[in-house]
Amino acid sequence: MNPKQLAAEKAVSFLENGMTIGLGTGSTAYWAIEKIGEKVKNENWKIRAIATSIRSEEHARSLGIPIFDFSTISTIDVTIDGADEVDAQLQLIKGGGGALLREKIVASNSNQMIVVADESKWVKTLGSFPLPVEVVHFGWQRTFEKLQLLGCETKRRMQENEPYITDNGNYIVDCSFNEITDPPALHEAVNAITGVVDNGLFIRIASKLVLGFNNGETRVISR
């Protein structure tokens, strides 16, 4: 079994029948959705789910997982989602899959966020992975320039020679800092720029990390 699947299935073991569950987006969260689908089908789990992207919503529906509108749910028990990088303080960079805003909204409205990742995502210092920043279309060039003033190299994300558009209709700017020594301060500085919707730094949101290793082991780390 690959380490992403190992981590995801271990994380699902913390869930219970009857919960309201946030479904993440990405290659590791994919396996969590698959396992939850098994629970619904084979163990008759009665759950409510909120997806963090159109892609994850379609995946969940295909497995018979009931998707609910956010307006009908006041509290999410647990969200399981992946990360592009995670450090020892369980600070994350997310957004490689383009769903950072919905992921953050769902995670921040959850009693618990369980992060699932393979060992390659575990880092000493965040920043090797470019920080995704979601920005509105209007005046994006000026927002782009102000992001550069924070000391990063910036690229507007593209898809098949066209600007990548998020599920919310925005652009993503990928900001390469190489090393982020103070994630909370950078989070505030990025979000203070007018035109920025939010960024992929998740600070004090994740409560538990499940790492999957190539040797078949998993490790659970709590904040």
C-alpha atoms as a PDB file:
ATOM      1  CA  MET A   1       0.000   0.000   0.000  1.00  0.00           C
ATOM      2  CA  ASN A   2       1.377   3.429  -0.865  1.00  0.00           C
ATOM      3  CA  PRO A   3       2.146   5.840   2.019  1.00  0.00           C
ATOM      4  CA  LYS A   4      -0.604   8.282   1.036  1.00  0.00           C
ATOM      5  CA  GLN A   5      -3.203   5.534   1.234  1.00  0.00           C
ATOM      6  CA  LEU A   6      -1.738   4.288   4.526  1.00  0.00           C
ATOM      7  CA  ALA A   7      -1.996   7.733   6.108  1.00  0.00           C
ATOM      8  CA  ALA A   8      -5.510   8.338   4.815  1.00  0.00           C
ATOM      9  CA  GLU A   9      -6.890   5.012   6.002  1.00  0.00           C
ATOM     10  CA  LYS A  10      -5.297   5.462   9.428  1.00  0.00           C
ATOM     11  CA  ALA A  11      -6.951   8.892   9.677  1.00  0.00           C
ATOM     12  CA  VAL A  12     -10.357   7.436   8.824  1.00  0.00           C
ATOM     13  CA  SER A  13      -9.960   5.092  11.813  1.00  0.00           C
ATOM     14  CA  PHE A  14     -10.449   8.180  14.041  1.00  0.00           C
ATOM     15  CA  LEU A  15     -13.890   8.825  12.539  1.00  0.00           C
ATOM     16  CA  GLU A  16     -17.177   7.474  13.873  1.00  0.00           C
ATOM     17  CA  ASN A  17     -20.560   6.659  12.415  1.00  0.00           C
ATOM     18  CA  GLY A  18     -22.944   9.626  12.638  1.00  0.00           C
ATOM     19  CA  MET A  19     -20.294  12.330  12.320  1.00  0.00           C
ATOM     20  CA  THR A  20     -20.325  15.385  10.093  1.00  0.00           C
ATOM     21  CA  ILE A  21     -17.101  15.146   8.083  1.00  0.00           C
ATOM     22  CA  GLY A  22     -15.136  17.591   5.952  1.00  0.00           C
ATOM     23  CA  LEU A  23     -13.664  15.996   2.836  1.00  0.00           C
ATOM     24  CA  GLY A  24     -10.355  17.406   1.641  1.00  0.00           C
ATOM     25  CA  THR A  25      -8.926  17.743  -1.843  1.00  0.00           C
ATOM     26  CA  GLY A  26      -5.834  16.198  -3.401  1.00  0.00           C
ATOM     27  CA  SER A  27      -4.021  12.936  -3.964  1.00  0.00           C
ATOM     28  CA  THR A  28      -3.941  11.883  -0.279  1.00  0.00           C
ATOM     29  CA  ALA A  29      -7.421  13.102   0.649  1.00  0.00           C
ATOM     30  CA  TYR A  30      -8.608  11.019  -2.322  1.00  0.00           C
ATOM     31  CA  TRP A  31      -7.810   7.846  -0.376  1.00  0.00           C
ATOM     32  CA  ALA A  32      -9.663   9.097   2.704  1.00  0.00           C
ATOM     33  CA  ILE A  33     -12.774   9.660   0.584  1.00  0.00           C
ATOM     34  CA  GLU A  34     -12.388   6.148  -0.843  1.00  0.00           C
ATOM     35  CA  LYS A  35     -12.206   4.625   2.658  1.00  0.00           C
ATOM     36  CA  ILE A  36     -15.167   6.662   3.907  1.00  0.00           C
ATOM     37  CA  GLY A  37     -17.097   5.444   0.870  1.00  0.00           C
ATOM     38  CA  GLU A  38     -16.332   1.865   1.944  1.00  0.00           C
ATOM     39  CA  LYS A  39     -17.698   2.600   5.430  1.00  0.00           C
ATOM     40  CA  VAL A  40     -20.911   4.018   3.953  1.00  0.00           C
ATOM     41  CA  LYS A  41     -21.373   1.044   1.628  1.00  0.00           C
ATOM     42  CA  ASN A  42     -20.184  -1.889   3.732  1.00  0.00           C
ATOM     43  CA  GLU A  43     -20.839  -0.738   7.300  1.00  0.00           C
ATOM     44  CA  ASN A  44     -23.953   1.345   6.639  1.00  0.00           C
ATOM     45  CA  TRP A  45     -22.393   4.496   8.070  1.00  0.00           C
ATOM     46  CA  LYS A  46     -24.825   7.397   8.335  1.00  0.00           C
ATOM     47  CA  ILE A  47     -22.734  10.535   7.977  1.00  0.00           C
ATOM     48  CA  ARG A  48     -23.010  14.042   6.608  1.00  0.00           C
ATOM     49  CA  ALA A  49     -20.187  15.393   4.474  1.00  0.00           C
ATOM     50  CA  ILE A  50     -19.029  18.753   3.152  1.00  0.00           C
ATOM     51  CA  ALA A  51     -16.514  18.745   0.283  1.00  0.00           C
ATOM     52  CA  THR A  52     -13.742  21.313  -0.150  1.00  0.00           C
ATOM     53  CA  SER A  53     -13.883  21.266  -3.961  1.00  0.00           C
ATOM     54  CA  ILE A  54     -16.161  20.371  -6.829  1.00  0.00           C
ATOM     55  CA  ARG A  55     -13.739  17.529  -7.632  1.00  0.00           C
ATOM     56  CA  SER A  56     -14.001  15.991  -4.163  1.00  0.00           C
ATOM     57  CA  GLU A  57     -17.770  16.475  -4.122  1.00  0.00           C
ATOM     58  CA  GLU A  58     -18.140  14.540  -7.383  1.00  0.00           C
ATOM     59  CA  HIS A  59     -15.824  11.802  -6.078  1.00  0.00           C
ATOM     60  CA  ALA A  60     -17.813  11.488  -2.842  1.00  0.00           C
ATOM     61  CA  ARG A  61     -21.178  11.377  -4.597  1.00  0.00           C
ATOM     62  CA  SER A  62     -19.906   8.612  -6.889  1.00  0.00           C
ATOM     63  CA  LEU A  63     -19.245   6.494  -3.767  1.00  0.00           C
ATOM     64  CA  GLY A  64     -22.636   7.172  -2.200  1.00  0.00           C
ATOM     65  CA  ILE A  65     -21.332   9.614   0.413  1.00  0.00           C
ATOM     66  CA  PRO A  66     -24.120  12.110   1.198  1.00  0.00           C
ATOM     67  CA  ILE A  67     -23.020  15.698   0.522  1.00  0.00           C
ATOM     68  CA  PHE A  68     -24.769  18.512   2.397  1.00  0.00           C
ATOM     69  CA  ASP A  69     -24.961  22.213   1.749  1.00  0.00           C
ATOM     70  CA  PHE A  70     -22.863  24.245   4.184  1.00  0.00           C
ATOM     71  CA  SER A  71     -25.898  26.372   5.085  1.00  0.00           C
ATOM     72  CA  THR A  72     -27.545  23.334   6.674  1.00  0.00           C
ATOM     73  CA  ILE A  73     -24.609  22.474   8.950  1.00  0.00           C
ATOM     74  CA  SER A  74     -23.459  24.471  11.969  1.00  0.00           C
ATOM     75  CA  THR A  75     -20.529  22.305  13.105  1.00  0.00           C
ATOM     76  CA  ILE A  76     -18.172  19.890  11.376  1.00  0.00           C
ATOM     77  CA  ASP A  77     -16.812  17.175  13.674  1.00  0.00           C
ATOM     78  CA  VAL A  78     -13.649  16.285  11.756  1.00  0.00           C
ATOM     79  CA  THR A  79     -12.060  17.323   8.483  1.00  0.00           C
ATOM     80  CA  ILE A  80      -9.465  15.087   6.814  1.00  0.00           C
ATOM     81  CA  ASP A  81      -7.245  16.852   4.298  1.00  0.00           C
ATOM     82  CA  GLY A  82      -3.760  16.687   2.846  1.00  0.00           C
ATOM     83  CA  ALA A  83      -0.874  19.157   2.842  1.00  0.00           C
ATOM     84  CA  ASP A  84       1.872  20.220   0.478  1.00  0.00           C
ATOM     85  CA  GLU A  85       4.198  20.809   3.434  1.00  0.00           C
ATOM     86  CA  VAL A  86       3.843  20.352   7.200  1.00  0.00           C
ATOM     87  CA  ASP A  87       6.269  21.203  10.010  1.00  0.00           C
ATOM     88  CA  ALA A  88       6.677  20.067  13.617  1.00  0.00           C
ATOM     89  CA  GLN A  89       4.221  22.741  14.857  1.00  0.00           C
ATOM     90  CA  LEU A  90       1.629  21.329  12.408  1.00  0.00           C
ATOM     91  CA  GLN A  91       1.786  24.521  10.373  1.00  0.00           C
ATOM     92  CA  LEU A  92       0.873  23.781   6.761  1.00  0.00           C
ATOM     93  CA  ILE A  93       1.233  24.978   3.227  1.00  0.00           C
ATOM     94  CA  LYS A  94      -1.828  23.961   1.220  1.00  0.00           C
ATOM     95  CA  GLY A  95      -3.284  24.886  -2.136  1.00  0.00           C
ATOM     96  CA  GLY A  96      -1.264  22.871  -4.621  1.00  0.00           C
ATOM     97  CA  GLY A  97      -4.575  21.467  -5.810  1.00  0.00           C
ATOM     98  CA  GLY A  98      -6.110  24.909  -6.085  1.00  0.00           C
ATOM     99  CA  ALA A  99      -8.721  24.528  -3.328  1.00  0.00           C
ATOM    100  CA  LEU A 100      -7.053  26.403  -0.463  1.00  0.00           C
ATOM    101  CA  LEU A 101      -9.890  28.845   0.264  1.00  0.00           C
ATOM    102  CA  ARG A 102     -12.630  26.229   0.587  1.00  0.00           C
ATOM    103  CA  GLU A 103     -10.215  23.941   2.437  1.00  0.00           C
ATOM    104  CA  LYS A 104      -9.496  26.681   4.977  1.00  0.00           C
ATOM    105  CA  ILE A 105     -13.169  27.591   5.413  1.00  0.00           C
ATOM    106  CA  VAL A 106     -14.085  23.956   6.075  1.00  0.00           C
ATOM    107  CA  ALA A 107     -11.101  23.249   8.333  1.00  0.00           C
ATOM    108  CA  SER A 108     -11.552  26.411  10.412  1.00  0.00           C
ATOM    109  CA  ASN A 109     -15.193  25.474  11.022  1.00  0.00           C
ATOM    110  CA  SER A 110     -14.254  21.966  12.203  1.00  0.00           C
ATOM    111  CA  ASN A 111     -13.767  20.762  15.759  1.00  0.00           C
ATOM    112  CA  GLN A 112     -10.720  18.853  14.553  1.00  0.00           C
ATOM    113  CA  MET A 113      -8.576  18.840  11.414  1.00  0.00           C
ATOM    114  CA  ILE A 114      -6.611  15.674  10.705  1.00  0.00           C
ATOM    115  CA  VAL A 115      -3.854  16.185   8.143  1.00  0.00           C
ATOM    116  CA  VAL A 116      -2.806  13.205   6.041  1.00  0.00           C
ATOM    117  CA  ALA A 117       0.508  13.146   4.192  1.00  0.00           C
ATOM    118  CA  ASP A 118       3.353  10.941   3.057  1.00  0.00           C
ATOM    119  CA  GLU A 119       6.776  11.376   4.605  1.00  0.00           C
ATOM    120  CA  SER A 120       8.011  13.653   1.782  1.00  0.00           C
ATOM    121  CA  LYS A 121       5.693  16.440   2.997  1.00  0.00           C
ATOM    122  CA  TRP A 122       7.254  16.546   6.500  1.00  0.00           C
ATOM    123  CA  VAL A 123       9.722  19.461   6.575  1.00  0.00           C
ATOM    124  CA  LYS A 124      11.870  21.280   9.111  1.00  0.00           C
ATOM    125  CA  THR A 125      10.959  24.707   7.709  1.00  0.00           C
ATOM    126  CA  LEU A 126       8.095  25.632   5.400  1.00  0.00           C
ATOM    127  CA  GLY A 127       8.770  27.328   2.090  1.00  0.00           C
ATOM    128  CA  SER A 128      10.359  24.941  -0.396  1.00  0.00           C
ATOM    129  CA  PHE A 129       6.866  24.457  -1.824  1.00  0.00           C
ATOM    130  CA  PRO A 130       5.620  27.743  -3.327  1.00  0.00           C
ATOM    131  CA  LEU A 131       2.910  29.399  -1.237  1.00  0.00           C
ATOM    132  CA  PRO A 132      -0.383  29.551  -3.160  1.00  0.00           C
ATOM    133  CA  VAL A 133      -2.272  32.840  -2.814  1.00  0.00           C
ATOM    134  CA  GLU A 134      -5.822  33.218  -4.115  1.00  0.00           C
ATOM    135  CA  VAL A 135      -6.442  36.673  -5.626  1.00  0.00           C
ATOM    136  CA  VAL A 136      -9.387  38.365  -7.309  1.00  0.00           C
ATOM    137  CA  HIS A 137      -9.246  39.147 -11.047  1.00  0.00           C
ATOM    138  CA  PHE A 138      -9.758  42.883 -10.728  1.00  0.00           C
ATOM    139  CA  GLY A 139      -6.382  44.634 -10.478  1.00  0.00           C
ATOM    140  CA  TRP A 140      -4.552  41.335 -10.084  1.00  0.00           C
ATOM    141  CA  GLN A 141      -1.383  42.800 -11.623  1.00  0.00           C
ATOM    142  CA  ARG A 142      -1.068  45.299  -8.755  1.00  0.00           C
ATOM    143  CA  THR A 143      -1.764  42.547  -6.200  1.00  0.00           C
ATOM    144  CA  PHE A 144       0.930  40.472  -7.924  1.00  0.00           C
ATOM    145  CA  GLU A 145       3.452  43.325  -7.578  1.00  0.00           C
ATOM    146  CA  LYS A 146       2.657  43.858  -3.898  1.00  0.00           C
ATOM    147  CA  LEU A 147       3.183  40.153  -3.218  1.00  0.00           C
ATOM    148  CA  GLN A 148       6.643  40.427  -4.809  1.00  0.00           C
ATOM    149  CA  LEU A 149       7.517  43.161  -2.313  1.00  0.00           C
ATOM    150  CA  LEU A 150       7.320  40.522   0.427  1.00  0.00           C
ATOM    151  CA  GLY A 151      10.491  38.986  -1.002  1.00  0.00           C
ATOM    152  CA  CYS A 152       9.222  36.146  -3.164  1.00  0.00           C
ATOM    153  CA  GLU A 153       9.269  35.109  -6.788  1.00  0.00           C
ATOM    154  CA  THR A 154       5.718  35.076  -8.101  1.00  0.00           C
ATOM    155  CA  LYS A 155       3.959  33.218 -10.913  1.00  0.00           C
ATOM    156  CA  ARG A 156       0.315  33.306 -11.869  1.00  0.00           C
ATOM    157  CA  ARG A 157      -0.789  29.680 -12.034  1.00  0.00           C
ATOM    158  CA  MET A 158      -1.642  28.476 -15.521  1.00  0.00           C
ATOM    159  CA  GLN A 159      -3.551  25.489 -16.868  1.00  0.00           C
ATOM    160  CA  GLU A 160      -3.222  24.525 -20.538  1.00  0.00           C
ATOM    161  CA  ASN A 161      -1.940  28.017 -21.474  1.00  0.00           C
ATOM    162  CA  GLU A 162      -4.856  29.717 -19.716  1.00  0.00           C
ATOM    163  CA  PRO A 163      -4.936  31.237 -16.224  1.00  0.00           C
ATOM    164  CA  TYR A 164      -5.978  28.661 -13.628  1.00  0.00           C
ATOM    165  CA  ILE A 165      -9.398  29.539 -12.202  1.00  0.00           C
ATOM    166  CA  THR A 166     -10.403  28.328  -8.742  1.00  0.00           C
ATOM    167  CA  ASP A 167     -13.832  26.941  -7.881  1.00  0.00           C
ATOM    168  CA  ASN A 168     -14.524  30.441  -6.528  1.00  0.00           C
ATOM    169  CA  GLY A 169     -13.657  32.115  -9.851  1.00  0.00           C
ATOM    170  CA  ASN A 170     -10.326  33.584  -8.713  1.00  0.00           C
ATOM    171  CA  TYR A 171      -6.692  33.390  -9.816  1.00  0.00           C
ATOM    172  CA  ILE A 172      -3.878  31.705  -7.883  1.00  0.00           C
ATOM    173  CA  VAL A 173      -0.443  33.281  -7.570  1.00  0.00           C
ATOM    174  CA  ASP A 174       2.298  30.878  -6.478  1.00  0.00           C
ATOM    175  CA  CYS A 175       4.875  32.665  -4.308  1.00  0.00           C
ATOM    176  CA  SER A 176       8.329  31.098  -3.899  1.00  0.00           C
ATOM    177  CA  PHE A 177       9.943  32.177  -0.619  1.00  0.00           C
ATOM    178  CA  ASN A 178      12.308  29.157  -0.363  1.00  0.00           C
ATOM    179  CA  GLU A 179      12.193  29.480   3.439  1.00  0.00           C
ATOM    180  CA  ILE A 180       9.400  30.841   5.642  1.00  0.00           C
ATOM    181  CA  THR A 181      10.928  31.593   9.029  1.00  0.00           C
ATOM    182  CA  ASP A 182       7.803  33.162  10.588  1.00  0.00           C
ATOM    183  CA  PRO A 183       4.665  31.598   9.070  1.00  0.00           C
ATOM    184  CA  PRO A 184       2.142  33.504  11.266  1.00  0.00           C
ATOM    185  CA  ALA A 185       3.703  36.886  10.384  1.00  0.00           C
ATOM    186  CA  LEU A 186       3.800  36.044   6.675  1.00  0.00           C
ATOM    187  CA  HIS A 187       0.194  34.855   6.794  1.00  0.00           C
ATOM    188  CA  GLU A 188      -0.878  38.233   8.165  1.00  0.00           C
ATOM    189  CA  ALA A 189       1.300  40.200   5.732  1.00  0.00           C
ATOM    190  CA  VAL A 190      -0.057  38.383   2.683  1.00  0.00           C
ATOM    191  CA  ASN A 191      -3.682  38.671   3.759  1.00  0.00           C
ATOM    192  CA  ALA A 192      -3.234  42.400   4.473  1.00  0.00           C
ATOM    193  CA  ILE A 193      -2.744  43.048   0.733  1.00  0.00           C
ATOM    194  CA  THR A 194      -5.960  44.287  -0.842  1.00  0.00           C
ATOM    195  CA  GLY A 195      -6.931  41.912  -3.639  1.00  0.00           C
ATOM    196  CA  VAL A 196      -5.771  38.823  -1.759  1.00  0.00           C
ATOM    197  CA  VAL A 197      -8.653  36.540  -0.792  1.00  0.00           C
ATOM    198  CA  ASP A 198      -6.553  34.172   1.348  1.00  0.00           C
ATOM    199  CA  ASN A 199      -3.322  32.209   1.263  1.00  0.00           C
ATOM    200  CA  GLY A 200      -2.270  28.601   1.746  1.00  0.00           C
ATOM    201  CA  LEU A 201      -0.668  28.951   5.172  1.00  0.00           C
ATOM    202  CA  PHE A 202      -2.727  27.071   7.748  1.00  0.00           C
ATOM    203  CA  ILE A 203      -1.714  28.299  11.204  1.00  0.00           C
ATOM    204  CA  ARG A 204      -3.154  26.799  14.426  1.00  0.00           C
ATOM    205  CA  ILE A 205      -5.816  24.927  12.456  1.00  0.00           C
ATOM    206  CA  ALA A 206      -4.501  21.351  12.194  1.00  0.00           C
ATOM    207  CA  SER A 207      -4.908  19.305  15.378  1.00  0.00           C
ATOM    208  CA  LYS A 208      -3.461  15.976  14.279  1.00  0.00           C
ATOM    209  CA  LEU A 209      -1.078  14.722  11.575  1.00  0.00           C
ATOM    210  CA  VAL A 210      -0.970  11.196  10.203  1.00  0.00           C
ATOM    211  CA  LEU A 211       2.213  10.488   8.246  1.00  0.00           C
ATOM    212  CA  GLY A 212       2.570   7.500   5.957  1.00  0.00           C
ATOM    213  CA  PHE A 213       6.022   6.040   5.341  1.00  0.00           C
ATOM    214  CA  ASN A 214       7.429   4.060   2.427  1.00  0.00           C
ATOM    215  CA  ASN A 215       8.290   1.200   4.812  1.00  0.00           C
ATOM    216  CA  GLY A 216       4.587   0.703   5.535  1.00  0.00           C
ATOM    217  CA  GLU A 217       4.492   2.450   8.902  1.00  0.00           C
ATOM    218  CA  THR A 218       2.315   5.346  10.015  1.00  0.00           C
ATOM    219  CA  ARG A 219       2.974   7.944  12.673  1.00  0.00           C
ATOM    220  CA  VAL A 220       0.379  10.100  14.458  1.00  0.00           C
ATOM    221  CA  ILE A 221       1.492  13.502  15.762  1.00  0.00           C
ATOM    222  CA  SER A 222      -0.836  15.762  17.751  1.00  0.00           C
ATOM    223  CA  ARG A 223      -0.516  19.508  18.242  1.00  0.00           C
END
